[in-house]
């Protein structure tokens, strides 16, 4: 109920205090009972049993405490950051220069006198 609806209801019920049904209705609307316990765990257990564990299989899905989930997420993020560090850590050093071997002489583009070593007879 919004505030406007409750104000309208109070205005309607204030003038007729003599009728017991209206007084009972007014007291019932003002003093709404709060549930003593949650029905959610029982409903989830029944759904899990009926679906043979397809829904609400693990205790984490039925838990109202977010600490285990947050702990698992933090550990996964830490593992991911460690893996990224270990992959990129060798790239942060200066590269070591390696001398390249000389390229072989191409017989098709080489001048006539430099064809390379003579073929071996064998």
PDB file of N, CA and C in Angstrom:
ATOM      1  N   UNK A   1       0.841  -1.189   0.000  1.00  0.00           N
ATOM      2  CA  UNK A   1       0.000   0.000   0.000  1.00  0.00           C
ATOM      3  C   UNK A   1       0.876   1.238   0.000  1.00  0.00           C
ATOM      4  N   UNK A   2       0.457   2.218  -0.759  1.00  0.00           N
ATOM      5  CA  UNK A   2       1.204   3.458  -0.756  1.00  0.00           C
ATOM      6  C   UNK A   2       0.689   4.350   0.374  1.00  0.00           C
ATOM      7  N   UNK A   3       1.397   5.434   0.610  1.00  0.00           N
ATOM      8  CA  UNK A   3       1.000   6.346   1.684  1.00  0.00           C
ATOM      9  C   UNK A   3      -0.357   6.988   1.399  1.00  0.00           C
ATOM     10  N   UNK A   4      -0.610   7.302   0.151  1.00  0.00           N
ATOM     11  CA  UNK A   4      -1.875   7.944  -0.208  1.00  0.00           C
ATOM     12  C   UNK A   4      -3.046   7.006   0.057  1.00  0.00           C
ATOM     13  N   UNK A   5      -2.870   5.709  -0.295  1.00  0.00           N
ATOM     14  CA  UNK A   5      -3.932   4.743  -0.052  1.00  0.00           C
ATOM     15  C   UNK A   5      -4.183   4.562   1.442  1.00  0.00           C
ATOM     16  N   UNK A   6      -3.121   4.514   2.232  1.00  0.00           N
ATOM     17  CA  UNK A   6      -3.310   4.334   3.668  1.00  0.00           C
ATOM     18  C   UNK A   6      -3.955   5.562   4.303  1.00  0.00           C
ATOM     19  N   UNK A   7      -3.635   6.774   3.801  1.00  0.00           N
ATOM     20  CA  UNK A   7      -4.274   7.986   4.320  1.00  0.00           C
ATOM     21  C   UNK A   7      -5.766   7.999   3.977  1.00  0.00           C
ATOM     22  N   UNK A   8      -6.100   7.594   2.752  1.00  0.00           N
ATOM     23  CA  UNK A   8      -7.505   7.530   2.357  1.00  0.00           C
ATOM     24  C   UNK A   8      -8.263   6.519   3.198  1.00  0.00           C
ATOM     25  N   UNK A   9      -7.663   5.387   3.472  1.00  0.00           N
ATOM     26  CA  UNK A   9      -8.296   4.358   4.281  1.00  0.00           C
ATOM     27  C   UNK A   9      -8.491   4.837   5.710  1.00  0.00           C
ATOM     28  N   UNK A  10      -7.498   5.511   6.266  1.00  0.00           N
ATOM     29  CA  UNK A  10      -7.631   6.049   7.627  1.00  0.00           C
ATOM     30  C   UNK A  10      -8.758   7.072   7.696  1.00  0.00           C
ATOM     31  N   UNK A  11      -8.869   7.921   6.678  1.00  0.00           N
ATOM     32  CA  UNK A  11      -9.917   8.933   6.667  1.00  0.00           C
ATOM     33  C   UNK A  11     -11.305   8.290   6.603  1.00  0.00           C
ATOM     34  N   UNK A  12     -11.423   7.215   5.804  1.00  0.00           N
ATOM     35  CA  UNK A  12     -12.708   6.527   5.700  1.00  0.00           C
ATOM     36  C   UNK A  12     -13.083   5.815   6.996  1.00  0.00           C
ATOM     37  N   UNK A  13     -12.120   5.251   7.667  1.00  0.00           N
ATOM     38  CA  UNK A  13     -12.403   4.454   8.854  1.00  0.00           C
ATOM     39  C   UNK A  13     -12.507   5.274  10.128  1.00  0.00           C
ATOM     40  N   UNK A  14     -12.014   6.491  10.147  1.00  0.00           N
ATOM     41  CA  UNK A  14     -12.074   7.319  11.356  1.00  0.00           C
ATOM     42  C   UNK A  14     -13.501   7.695  11.731  1.00  0.00           C
ATOM     43  N   UNK A  15     -14.333   7.959  10.779  1.00  0.00           N
ATOM     44  CA  UNK A  15     -15.685   8.422  11.076  1.00  0.00           C
ATOM     45  C   UNK A  15     -16.606   7.328  11.590  1.00  0.00           C
ATOM     46  N   UNK A  16     -16.319   6.086  11.349  1.00  0.00           N
ATOM     47  CA  UNK A  16     -17.244   5.022  11.719  1.00  0.00           C
ATOM     48  C   UNK A  16     -16.608   4.069  12.725  1.00  0.00           C
ATOM     49  N   UNK A  17     -16.324   4.577  13.944  1.00  0.00           N
ATOM     50  CA  UNK A  17     -15.754   3.755  15.001  1.00  0.00           C
ATOM     51  C   UNK A  17     -16.825   2.930  15.704  1.00  0.00           C
ATOM     52  N   UNK A  18     -18.069   3.214  15.460  1.00  0.00           N
ATOM     53  CA  UNK A  18     -19.137   2.508  16.165  1.00  0.00           C
ATOM     54  C   UNK A  18     -19.326   1.088  15.625  1.00  0.00           C
ATOM     55  N   UNK A  19     -19.004   0.854  14.371  1.00  0.00           N
ATOM     56  CA  UNK A  19     -19.210  -0.469  13.801  1.00  0.00           C
ATOM     57  C   UNK A  19     -18.032  -1.373  14.141  1.00  0.00           C
ATOM     58  N   UNK A  20     -18.284  -2.548  14.704  1.00  0.00           N
ATOM     59  CA  UNK A  20     -17.190  -3.426  15.135  1.00  0.00           C
ATOM     60  C   UNK A  20     -16.427  -4.043  13.951  1.00  0.00           C
ATOM     61  N   UNK A  21     -17.104  -4.268  12.824  1.00  0.00           N
ATOM     62  CA  UNK A  21     -16.416  -4.872  11.683  1.00  0.00           C
ATOM     63  C   UNK A  21     -15.359  -3.922  11.126  1.00  0.00           C
ATOM     64  N   UNK A  22     -15.683  -2.643  11.071  1.00  0.00           N
ATOM     65  CA  UNK A  22     -14.711  -1.671  10.573  1.00  0.00           C
ATOM     66  C   UNK A  22     -13.550  -1.496  11.548  1.00  0.00           C
ATOM     67  N   UNK A  23     -13.846  -1.551  12.827  1.00  0.00           N
ATOM     68  CA  UNK A  23     -12.777  -1.440  13.824  1.00  0.00           C
ATOM     69  C   UNK A  23     -11.841  -2.644  13.725  1.00  0.00           C
ATOM     70  N   UNK A  24     -12.416  -3.827  13.516  1.00  0.00           N
ATOM     71  CA  UNK A  24     -11.607  -5.037  13.370  1.00  0.00           C
ATOM     72  C   UNK A  24     -10.740  -4.960  12.107  1.00  0.00           C
ATOM     73  N   UNK A  25     -11.344  -4.473  11.018  1.00  0.00           N
ATOM     74  CA  UNK A  25     -10.599  -4.314   9.774  1.00  0.00           C
ATOM     75  C   UNK A  25      -9.457  -3.314   9.938  1.00  0.00           C
ATOM     76  N   UNK A  26      -9.732  -2.223  10.634  1.00  0.00           N
ATOM     77  CA  UNK A  26      -8.719  -1.203  10.847  1.00  0.00           C
ATOM     78  C   UNK A  26      -7.556  -1.751  11.674  1.00  0.00           C
ATOM     79  N   UNK A  27      -7.853  -2.499  12.716  1.00  0.00           N
ATOM     80  CA  UNK A  27      -6.776  -3.045  13.545  1.00  0.00           C
ATOM     81  C   UNK A  27      -5.989  -4.123  12.777  1.00  0.00           C
ATOM     82  N   UNK A  28      -6.678  -4.871  11.915  1.00  0.00           N
ATOM     83  CA  UNK A  28      -5.994  -5.902  11.143  1.00  0.00           C
ATOM     84  C   UNK A  28      -5.053  -5.280  10.113  1.00  0.00           C
ATOM     85  N   UNK A  29      -5.456  -4.166   9.533  1.00  0.00           N
ATOM     86  CA  UNK A  29      -4.603  -3.520   8.537  1.00  0.00           C
ATOM     87  C   UNK A  29      -3.391  -2.842   9.169  1.00  0.00           C
ATOM     88  N   UNK A  30      -3.534  -2.338  10.361  1.00  0.00           N
ATOM     89  CA  UNK A  30      -2.418  -1.643  11.008  1.00  0.00           C
ATOM     90  C   UNK A  30      -1.401  -2.617  11.604  1.00  0.00           C
ATOM     91  N   UNK A  31      -1.866  -3.717  12.166  1.00  0.00           N
ATOM     92  CA  UNK A  31      -0.992  -4.655  12.861  1.00  0.00           C
ATOM     93  C   UNK A  31      -0.785  -5.911  12.023  1.00  0.00           C
ATOM     94  N   UNK A  32      -0.161  -5.769  10.883  1.00  0.00           N
ATOM     95  CA  UNK A  32       0.091  -6.922  10.022  1.00  0.00           C
ATOM     96  C   UNK A  32       1.177  -7.790  10.664  1.00  0.00           C
ATOM     97  N   UNK A  33       0.960  -9.089  10.759  1.00  0.00           N
ATOM     98  CA  UNK A  33       1.958  -9.947  11.405  1.00  0.00           C
ATOM     99  C   UNK A  33       3.173 -10.159  10.496  1.00  0.00           C
ATOM    100  N   UNK A  34       4.319 -10.240  11.117  1.00  0.00           N
ATOM    101  CA  UNK A  34       5.542 -10.516  10.389  1.00  0.00           C
ATOM    102  C   UNK A  34       5.795 -12.024  10.424  1.00  0.00           C
ATOM    103  N   UNK A  35       6.308 -12.594   9.359  1.00  0.00           N
ATOM    104  CA  UNK A  35       6.563 -14.037   9.376  1.00  0.00           C
ATOM    105  C   UNK A  35       7.647 -14.374  10.401  1.00  0.00           C
ATOM    106  N   UNK A  36       7.416 -15.455  11.151  1.00  0.00           N
ATOM    107  CA  UNK A  36       8.361 -15.842  12.197  1.00  0.00           C
ATOM    108  C   UNK A  36       9.613 -16.484  11.624  1.00  0.00           C
ATOM    109  N   UNK A  37       9.479 -17.220  10.540  1.00  0.00           N
ATOM    110  CA  UNK A  37      10.631 -17.870   9.936  1.00  0.00           C
ATOM    111  C   UNK A  37      10.483 -17.848   8.416  1.00  0.00           C
ATOM    112  N   UNK A  38      11.573 -18.098   7.777  1.00  0.00           N
ATOM    113  CA  UNK A  38      11.586 -18.061   6.316  1.00  0.00           C
ATOM    114  C   UNK A  38      11.145 -19.404   5.746  1.00  0.00           C
ATOM    115  N   UNK A  39      10.355 -19.350   4.708  1.00  0.00           N
ATOM    116  CA  UNK A  39       9.910 -20.562   4.036  1.00  0.00           C
ATOM    117  C   UNK A  39      10.845 -20.960   2.897  1.00  0.00           C
ATOM    118  N   UNK A  40      11.793 -20.088   2.576  1.00  0.00           N
ATOM    119  CA  UNK A  40      12.658 -20.317   1.427  1.00  0.00           C
ATOM    120  C   UNK A  40      13.453 -21.615   1.501  1.00  0.00           C
ATOM    121  N   UNK A  41      14.122 -21.949   2.625  1.00  0.00           N
ATOM    122  CA  UNK A  41      14.886 -23.213   2.633  1.00  0.00           C
ATOM    123  C   UNK A  41      14.014 -24.442   2.414  1.00  0.00           C
ATOM    124  N   UNK A  42      12.810 -24.454   2.979  1.00  0.00           N
ATOM    125  CA  UNK A  42      11.926 -25.609   2.793  1.00  0.00           C
ATOM    126  C   UNK A  42      11.463 -25.721   1.341  1.00  0.00           C
ATOM    127  N   UNK A  43      11.155 -24.588   0.733  1.00  0.00           N
ATOM    128  CA  UNK A  43      10.715 -24.593  -0.665  1.00  0.00           C
ATOM    129  C   UNK A  43      11.862 -25.059  -1.571  1.00  0.00           C
ATOM    130  N   UNK A  44      13.062 -24.581  -1.295  1.00  0.00           N
ATOM    131  CA  UNK A  44      14.198 -24.994  -2.104  1.00  0.00           C
ATOM    132  C   UNK A  44      14.477 -26.489  -1.951  1.00  0.00           C
ATOM    133  N   UNK A  45      14.341 -27.022  -0.728  1.00  0.00           N
ATOM    134  CA  UNK A  45      14.534 -28.461  -0.531  1.00  0.00           C
ATOM    135  C   UNK A  45      13.498 -29.273  -1.300  1.00  0.00           C
ATOM    136  N   UNK A  46      12.259 -28.828  -1.287  1.00  0.00           N
ATOM    137  CA  UNK A  46      11.223 -29.557  -2.023  1.00  0.00           C
ATOM    138  C   UNK A  46      11.474 -29.519  -3.527  1.00  0.00           C
ATOM    139  N   UNK A  47      11.905 -28.351  -4.035  1.00  0.00           N
ATOM    140  CA  UNK A  47      12.211 -28.239  -5.468  1.00  0.00           C
ATOM    141  C   UNK A  47      13.393 -29.138  -5.811  1.00  0.00           C
ATOM    142  N   UNK A  48      14.416 -29.172  -4.942  1.00  0.00           N
ATOM    143  CA  UNK A  48      15.590 -30.012  -5.185  1.00  0.00           C
ATOM    144  C   UNK A  48      15.206 -31.484  -5.210  1.00  0.00           C
ATOM    145  N   UNK A  49      14.322 -31.895  -4.303  1.00  0.00           N
ATOM    146  CA  UNK A  49      13.899 -33.295  -4.285  1.00  0.00           C
ATOM    147  C   UNK A  49      13.063 -33.653  -5.505  1.00  0.00           C
ATOM    148  N   UNK A  50      12.153 -32.767  -5.886  1.00  0.00           N
ATOM    149  CA  UNK A  50      11.279 -33.055  -7.037  1.00  0.00           C
ATOM    150  C   UNK A  50      12.039 -33.078  -8.348  1.00  0.00           C
ATOM    151  N   UNK A  51      13.049 -32.240  -8.471  1.00  0.00           N
ATOM    152  CA  UNK A  51      13.812 -32.184  -9.726  1.00  0.00           C
ATOM    153  C   UNK A  51      15.042 -33.075  -9.693  1.00  0.00           C
ATOM    154  N   UNK A  52      15.162 -33.883  -8.650  1.00  0.00           N
ATOM    155  CA  UNK A  52      16.285 -34.816  -8.476  1.00  0.00           C
ATOM    156  C   UNK A  52      17.628 -34.098  -8.522  1.00  0.00           C
ATOM    157  N   UNK A  53      17.704 -32.954  -7.890  1.00  0.00           N
ATOM    158  CA  UNK A  53      18.967 -32.239  -7.768  1.00  0.00           C
ATOM    159  C   UNK A  53      19.318 -31.328  -8.918  1.00  0.00           C
ATOM    160  N   UNK A  54      18.424 -31.165  -9.873  1.00  0.00           N
ATOM    161  CA  UNK A  54      18.735 -30.286 -11.003  1.00  0.00           C
ATOM    162  C   UNK A  54      18.813 -28.831 -10.558  1.00  0.00           C
ATOM    163  N   UNK A  55      17.913 -28.432  -9.680  1.00  0.00           N
ATOM    164  CA  UNK A  55      17.904 -27.063  -9.171  1.00  0.00           C
ATOM    165  C   UNK A  55      18.254 -27.095  -7.693  1.00  0.00           C
ATOM    166  N   UNK A  56      18.983 -26.077  -7.245  1.00  0.00           N
ATOM    167  CA  UNK A  56      19.400 -25.940  -5.851  1.00  0.00           C
ATOM    168  C   UNK A  56      20.198 -27.160  -5.415  1.00  0.00           C
ATOM    169  N   UNK A  57      21.145 -27.560  -6.239  1.00  0.00           N
ATOM    170  CA  UNK A  57      21.924 -28.767  -5.976  1.00  0.00           C
ATOM    171  C   UNK A  57      22.925 -28.562  -4.850  1.00  0.00           C
ATOM    172  N   UNK A  58      23.663 -27.465  -4.890  1.00  0.00           N
ATOM    173  CA  UNK A  58      24.721 -27.270  -3.915  1.00  0.00           C
ATOM    174  C   UNK A  58      24.240 -26.451  -2.739  1.00  0.00           C
ATOM    175  N   UNK A  59      25.006 -26.530  -1.680  1.00  0.00           N
ATOM    176  CA  UNK A  59      24.623 -25.753  -0.495  1.00  0.00           C
ATOM    177  C   UNK A  59      24.883 -24.266  -0.710  1.00  0.00           C
ATOM    178  N   UNK A  60      25.797 -23.931  -1.671  1.00  0.00           N
ATOM    179  CA  UNK A  60      26.057 -22.511  -1.927  1.00  0.00           C
ATOM    180  C   UNK A  60      24.846 -21.827  -2.554  1.00  0.00           C
ATOM    181  N   UNK A  61      24.068 -22.549  -3.344  1.00  0.00           N
ATOM    182  CA  UNK A  61      22.897 -21.931  -3.963  1.00  0.00           C
ATOM    183  C   UNK A  61      21.779 -21.728  -2.950  1.00  0.00           C
ATOM    184  N   UNK A  62      21.804 -22.494  -1.855  1.00  0.00           N
ATOM    185  CA  UNK A  62      20.762 -22.344  -0.831  1.00  0.00           C
ATOM    186  C   UNK A  62      21.206 -21.455   0.310  1.00  0.00           C
ATOM    187  N   UNK A  63      22.462 -21.069   0.316  1.00  0.00           N
ATOM    188  CA  UNK A  63      23.003 -20.301   1.429  1.00  0.00           C
ATOM    189  C   UNK A  63      22.638 -18.828   1.285  1.00  0.00           C
ATOM    190  N   UNK A  64      22.330 -18.209   2.405  1.00  0.00           N
ATOM    191  CA  UNK A  64      22.032 -16.787   2.400  1.00  0.00           C
ATOM    192  C   UNK A  64      23.277 -15.968   2.714  1.00  0.00           C
ATOM    193  N   UNK A  65      24.357 -16.637   3.104  1.00  0.00           N
ATOM    194  CA  UNK A  65      25.587 -15.968   3.482  1.00  0.00           C
ATOM    195  C   UNK A  65      26.481 -15.818   2.251  1.00  0.00           C
ATOM    196  N   UNK A  66      26.849 -14.592   1.856  1.00  0.00           N
ATOM    197  CA  UNK A  66      27.652 -14.411   0.641  1.00  0.00           C
ATOM    198  C   UNK A  66      29.154 -14.587   0.863  1.00  0.00           C
ATOM    199  N   UNK A  67      29.596 -14.862   2.096  1.00  0.00           N
ATOM    200  CA  UNK A  67      31.029 -14.940   2.385  1.00  0.00           C
ATOM    201  C   UNK A  67      31.715 -16.063   1.602  1.00  0.00           C
ATOM    202  N   UNK A  68      31.176 -17.293   1.552  1.00  0.00           N
ATOM    203  CA  UNK A  68      31.881 -18.327   0.771  1.00  0.00           C
ATOM    204  C   UNK A  68      31.996 -17.972  -0.707  1.00  0.00           C
ATOM    205  N   UNK A  69      30.961 -17.403  -1.266  1.00  0.00           N
ATOM    206  CA  UNK A  69      31.010 -17.014  -2.676  1.00  0.00           C
ATOM    207  C   UNK A  69      32.045 -15.916  -2.904  1.00  0.00           C
ATOM    208  N   UNK A  70      32.090 -14.935  -2.024  1.00  0.00           N
ATOM    209  CA  UNK A  70      33.073 -13.861  -2.162  1.00  0.00           C
ATOM    210  C   UNK A  70      34.489 -14.392  -1.999  1.00  0.00           C
ATOM    211  N   UNK A  71      34.676 -15.344  -1.097  1.00  0.00           N
ATOM    212  CA  UNK A  71      35.993 -15.928  -0.902  1.00  0.00           C
ATOM    213  C   UNK A  71      36.451 -16.671  -2.150  1.00  0.00           C
ATOM    214  N   UNK A  72      35.569 -17.414  -2.761  1.00  0.00           N
ATOM    215  CA  UNK A  72      35.911 -18.149  -3.978  1.00  0.00           C
ATOM    216  C   UNK A  72      36.232 -17.184  -5.116  1.00  0.00           C
ATOM    217  N   UNK A  73      35.453 -16.133  -5.254  1.00  0.00           N
ATOM    218  CA  UNK A  73      35.700 -15.146  -6.318  1.00  0.00           C
ATOM    219  C   UNK A  73      37.040 -14.447  -6.097  1.00  0.00           C
ATOM    220  N   UNK A  74      37.346 -14.088  -4.862  1.00  0.00           N
ATOM    221  CA  UNK A  74      38.626 -13.430  -4.575  1.00  0.00           C
ATOM    222  C   UNK A  74      39.801 -14.352  -4.878  1.00  0.00           C
ATOM    223  N   UNK A  75      39.674 -15.631  -4.539  1.00  0.00           N
ATOM    224  CA  UNK A  75      40.745 -16.580  -4.840  1.00  0.00           C
ATOM    225  C   UNK A  75      40.933 -16.751  -6.347  1.00  0.00           C
ATOM    226  N   UNK A  76      39.835 -16.792  -7.092  1.00  0.00           N
ATOM    227  CA  UNK A  76      39.946 -16.910  -8.544  1.00  0.00           C
ATOM    228  C   UNK A  76      40.615 -15.686  -9.164  1.00  0.00           C
ATOM    229  N   UNK A  77      40.268 -14.507  -8.671  1.00  0.00           N
ATOM    230  CA  UNK A  77      40.892 -13.275  -9.180  1.00  0.00           C
ATOM    231  C   UNK A  77      42.377 -13.265  -8.839  1.00  0.00           C
ATOM    232  N   UNK A  78      42.731 -13.713  -7.638  1.00  0.00           N
ATOM    233  CA  UNK A  78      44.137 -13.770  -7.241  1.00  0.00           C
ATOM    234  C   UNK A  78      44.914 -14.751  -8.123  1.00  0.00           C
ATOM    235  N   UNK A  79      44.326 -15.903  -8.413  1.00  0.00           N
ATOM    236  CA  UNK A  79      44.971 -16.862  -9.307  1.00  0.00           C
ATOM    237  C   UNK A  79      45.142 -16.299 -10.714  1.00  0.00           C
ATOM    238  N   UNK A  80      44.144 -15.602 -11.203  1.00  0.00           N
ATOM    239  CA  UNK A  80      44.224 -14.999 -12.527  1.00  0.00           C
ATOM    240  C   UNK A  80      45.322 -13.934 -12.587  1.00  0.00           C
ATOM    241  N   UNK A  81      45.400 -13.095 -11.567  1.00  0.00           N
ATOM    242  CA  UNK A  81      46.444 -12.067 -11.541  1.00  0.00           C
ATOM    243  C   UNK A  81      47.836 -12.688 -11.435  1.00  0.00           C
ATOM    244  N   UNK A  82      47.968 -13.767 -10.672  1.00  0.00           N
ATOM    245  CA  UNK A  82      49.250 -14.460 -10.577  1.00  0.00           C
ATOM    246  C   UNK A  82      49.653 -15.039 -11.927  1.00  0.00           C
ATOM    247  N   UNK A  83      48.708 -15.644 -12.628  1.00  0.00           N
ATOM    248  CA  UNK A  83      49.008 -16.212 -13.943  1.00  0.00           C
ATOM    249  C   UNK A  83      49.414 -15.118 -14.924  1.00  0.00           C
ATOM    250  N   UNK A  84      48.721 -13.997 -14.921  1.00  0.00           N
ATOM    251  CA  UNK A  84      49.071 -12.888 -15.819  1.00  0.00           C
ATOM    252  C   UNK A  84      50.455 -12.350 -15.482  1.00  0.00           C
ATOM    253  N   UNK A  85      50.769 -12.241 -14.192  1.00  0.00           N
ATOM    254  CA  UNK A  85      52.090 -11.759 -13.793  1.00  0.00           C
ATOM    255  C   UNK A  85      53.178 -12.710 -14.267  1.00  0.00           C
ATOM    256  N   UNK A  86      52.959 -14.011 -14.078  1.00  0.00           N
ATOM    257  CA  UNK A  86      53.981 -14.975 -14.481  1.00  0.00           C
ATOM    258  C   UNK A  86      54.171 -15.030 -15.995  1.00  0.00           C
ATOM    259  N   UNK A  87      53.128 -14.749 -16.746  1.00  0.00           N
ATOM    260  CA  UNK A  87      53.259 -14.750 -18.204  1.00  0.00           C
ATOM    261  C   UNK A  87      53.983 -13.498 -18.683  1.00  0.00           C
ATOM    262  N   UNK A  88      53.646 -12.344 -18.123  1.00  0.00           N
ATOM    263  CA  UNK A  88      54.205 -11.092 -18.614  1.00  0.00           C
ATOM    264  C   UNK A  88      55.493 -10.669 -17.913  1.00  0.00           C
ATOM    265  N   UNK A  89      55.890 -11.318 -16.848  1.00  0.00           N
ATOM    266  CA  UNK A  89      57.078 -10.932 -16.109  1.00  0.00           C
ATOM    267  C   UNK A  89      58.350 -11.087 -16.940  1.00  0.00           C
ATOM    268  N   UNK A  90      58.542 -12.157 -17.720  1.00  0.00           N
ATOM    269  CA  UNK A  90      59.752 -12.216 -18.559  1.00  0.00           C
ATOM    270  C   UNK A  90      59.783 -11.135 -19.633  1.00  0.00           C
ATOM    271  N   UNK A  91      58.650 -10.601 -20.033  1.00  0.00           N
ATOM    272  CA  UNK A  91      58.613  -9.579 -21.076  1.00  0.00           C
ATOM    273  C   UNK A  91      59.040  -8.210 -20.562  1.00  0.00           C
ATOM    274  N   UNK A  92      59.154  -8.052 -19.251  1.00  0.00           N
ATOM    275  CA  UNK A  92      59.497  -6.737 -18.713  1.00  0.00           C
ATOM    276  C   UNK A  92      61.002  -6.470 -18.739  1.00  0.00           C
ATOM    277  N   UNK A  93      61.820  -7.512 -18.951  1.00  0.00           N
ATOM    278  CA  UNK A  93      63.275  -7.331 -19.020  1.00  0.00           C
ATOM    279  C   UNK A  93      63.677  -6.891 -20.428  1.00  0.00           C
ATOM    280  N   UNK A  94      64.888  -6.344 -20.517  1.00  0.00           N
ATOM    281  CA  UNK A  94      65.424  -5.954 -21.817  1.00  0.00           C
ATOM    282  C   UNK A  94      65.715  -7.208 -22.628  1.00  0.00           C
ATOM    283  N   UNK A  95      65.427  -7.194 -23.926  1.00  0.00           N
ATOM    284  CA  UNK A  95      65.699  -8.391 -24.731  1.00  0.00           C
ATOM    285  C   UNK A  95      67.203  -8.596 -24.926  1.00  0.00           C
ATOM    286  N   UNK A  96      67.617  -9.842 -24.921  1.00  0.00           N
ATOM    287  CA  UNK A  96      69.029 -10.184 -25.138  1.00  0.00           C
ATOM    288  C   UNK A  96      69.254 -10.307 -26.641  1.00  0.00           C
ATOM    289  N   UNK A  97      70.224  -9.559 -27.210  1.00  0.00           N
ATOM    290  CA  UNK A  97      70.455  -9.664 -28.654  1.00  0.00           C
ATOM    291  C   UNK A  97      71.162 -10.984 -28.998  1.00  0.00           C
ATOM    292  N   UNK A  98      70.702 -11.617 -30.028  1.00  0.00           N
ATOM    293  CA  UNK A  98      71.294 -12.857 -30.521  1.00  0.00           C
ATOM    294  C   UNK A  98      71.797 -12.606 -31.940  1.00  0.00           C
ATOM    295  N   UNK A  99      73.043 -12.992 -32.241  1.00  0.00           N
ATOM    296  CA  UNK A  99      73.540 -12.801 -33.614  1.00  0.00           C
ATOM    297  C   UNK A  99      72.846 -13.780 -34.557  1.00  0.00           C
ATOM    298  N   UNK A 100      72.445 -13.260 -35.683  1.00  0.00           N
ATOM    299  CA  UNK A 100      71.766 -14.090 -36.673  1.00  0.00           C
ATOM    300  C   UNK A 100      72.782 -14.707 -37.621  1.00  0.00           C
ATOM    301  N   UNK A 101      72.576 -15.941 -38.055  1.00  0.00           N
ATOM    302  CA  UNK A 101      73.500 -16.528 -39.038  1.00  0.00           C
ATOM    303  C   UNK A 101      73.331 -15.825 -40.384  1.00  0.00           C
ATOM    304  N   UNK A 102      74.391 -15.856 -41.187  1.00  0.00           N
ATOM    305  CA  UNK A 102      74.309 -15.194 -42.490  1.00  0.00           C
ATOM    306  C   UNK A 102      73.355 -15.968 -43.398  1.00  0.00           C
ATOM    307  N   UNK A 103      72.686 -15.240 -44.240  1.00  0.00           N
ATOM    308  CA  UNK A 103      71.698 -15.848 -45.127  1.00  0.00           C
ATOM    309  C   UNK A 103      72.397 -16.639 -46.218  1.00  0.00           C
ATOM    310  N   UNK A 104      71.836 -17.740 -46.639  1.00  0.00           N
ATOM    311  CA  UNK A 104      72.463 -18.508 -47.729  1.00  0.00           C
ATOM    312  C   UNK A 104      72.375 -17.735 -49.041  1.00  0.00           C
ATOM    313  N   UNK A 105      73.299 -18.012 -49.925  1.00  0.00           N
ATOM    314  CA  UNK A 105      73.339 -17.333 -51.228  1.00  0.00           C
ATOM    315  C   UNK A 105      72.299 -17.988 -52.127  1.00  0.00           C
ATOM    316  N   UNK A 106      71.486 -17.149 -52.748  1.00  0.00           N
ATOM    317  CA  UNK A 106      70.456 -17.648 -53.659  1.00  0.00           C
ATOM    318  C   UNK A 106      71.097 -17.862 -55.017  1.00  0.00           C
ATOM    319  N   UNK A 107      71.114 -19.091 -55.556  1.00  0.00           N
ATOM    320  CA  UNK A 107      71.792 -19.327 -56.847  1.00  0.00           C
ATOM    321  C   UNK A 107      71.091 -18.673 -58.024  1.00  0.00           C
ATOM    322  N   UNK A 108      69.843 -18.338 -57.915  1.00  0.00           N
ATOM    323  CA  UNK A 108      69.147 -17.730 -59.049  1.00  0.00           C
ATOM    324  C   UNK A 108      69.446 -16.249 -59.182  1.00  0.00           C
ATOM    325  N   UNK A 109      69.714 -15.576 -58.070  1.00  0.00           N
ATOM    326  CA  UNK A 109      69.957 -14.135 -58.143  1.00  0.00           C
ATOM    327  C   UNK A 109      71.421 -13.785 -57.931  1.00  0.00           C
ATOM    328  N   UNK A 110      72.291 -14.758 -57.648  1.00  0.00           N
ATOM    329  CA  UNK A 110      73.706 -14.484 -57.398  1.00  0.00           C
ATOM    330  C   UNK A 110      74.424 -14.181 -58.716  1.00  0.00           C
ATOM    331  N   UNK A 111      75.504 -13.379 -58.686  1.00  0.00           N
ATOM    332  CA  UNK A 111      76.303 -13.159 -59.888  1.00  0.00           C
ATOM    333  C   UNK A 111      76.943 -14.470 -60.365  1.00  0.00           C
ATOM    334  N   UNK A 112      77.422 -14.467 -61.591  1.00  0.00           N
ATOM    335  CA  UNK A 112      77.917 -15.703 -62.236  1.00  0.00           C
ATOM    336  C   UNK A 112      79.104 -16.306 -61.494  1.00  0.00           C
ATOM    337  N   UNK A 113      79.990 -15.495 -60.920  1.00  0.00           N
ATOM    338  CA  UNK A 113      81.197 -16.011 -60.307  1.00  0.00           C
ATOM    339  C   UNK A 113      80.981 -16.534 -58.887  1.00  0.00           C
ATOM    340  N   UNK A 114      79.906 -16.183 -58.247  1.00  0.00           N
ATOM    341  CA  UNK A 114      79.713 -16.587 -56.851  1.00  0.00           C
ATOM    342  C   UNK A 114      78.505 -17.493 -56.745  1.00  0.00           C
ATOM    343  N   UNK A 115      78.644 -18.681 -57.192  1.00  0.00           N
ATOM    344  CA  UNK A 115      77.512 -19.622 -57.149  1.00  0.00           C
ATOM    345  C   UNK A 115      77.507 -20.449 -55.884  1.00  0.00           C
ATOM    346  N   UNK A 116      78.534 -20.316 -55.081  1.00  0.00           N
ATOM    347  CA  UNK A 116      78.584 -21.069 -53.848  1.00  0.00           C
ATOM    348  C   UNK A 116      79.515 -22.231 -53.964  1.00  0.00           C
ATOM    349  N   UNK A 117      79.520 -23.103 -53.003  1.00  0.00           N
ATOM    350  CA  UNK A 117      80.422 -24.248 -53.020  1.00  0.00           C
ATOM    351  C   UNK A 117      80.013 -25.219 -54.102  1.00  0.00           C
ATOM    352  N   UNK A 118      80.992 -25.940 -54.651  1.00  0.00           N
ATOM    353  CA  UNK A 118      80.667 -26.914 -55.715  1.00  0.00           C
ATOM    354  C   UNK A 118      79.886 -28.077 -55.119  1.00  0.00           C
ATOM    355  N   UNK A 119      79.006 -28.647 -55.924  1.00  0.00           N
ATOM    356  CA  UNK A 119      78.231 -29.778 -55.407  1.00  0.00           C
ATOM    357  C   UNK A 119      79.141 -30.955 -55.132  1.00  0.00           C
ATOM    358  N   UNK A 120      78.823 -31.681 -54.118  1.00  0.00           N
ATOM    359  CA  UNK A 120      79.644 -32.827 -53.734  1.00  0.00           C
ATOM    360  C   UNK A 120      79.311 -34.025 -54.600  1.00  0.00           C
ATOM    361  N   UNK A 121      80.336 -34.751 -55.012  1.00  0.00           N
ATOM    362  CA  UNK A 121      80.114 -35.929 -55.835  1.00  0.00           C
ATOM    363  C   UNK A 121      79.880 -37.107 -54.923  1.00  0.00           C
ATOM    364  N   UNK A 122      78.935 -37.852 -55.247  1.00  0.00           N
ATOM    365  CA  UNK A 122      78.747 -38.947 -54.346  1.00  0.00           C
ATOM    366  C   UNK A 122      77.827 -39.959 -54.762  1.00  0.00           C
TER     367      UNK A 122
END
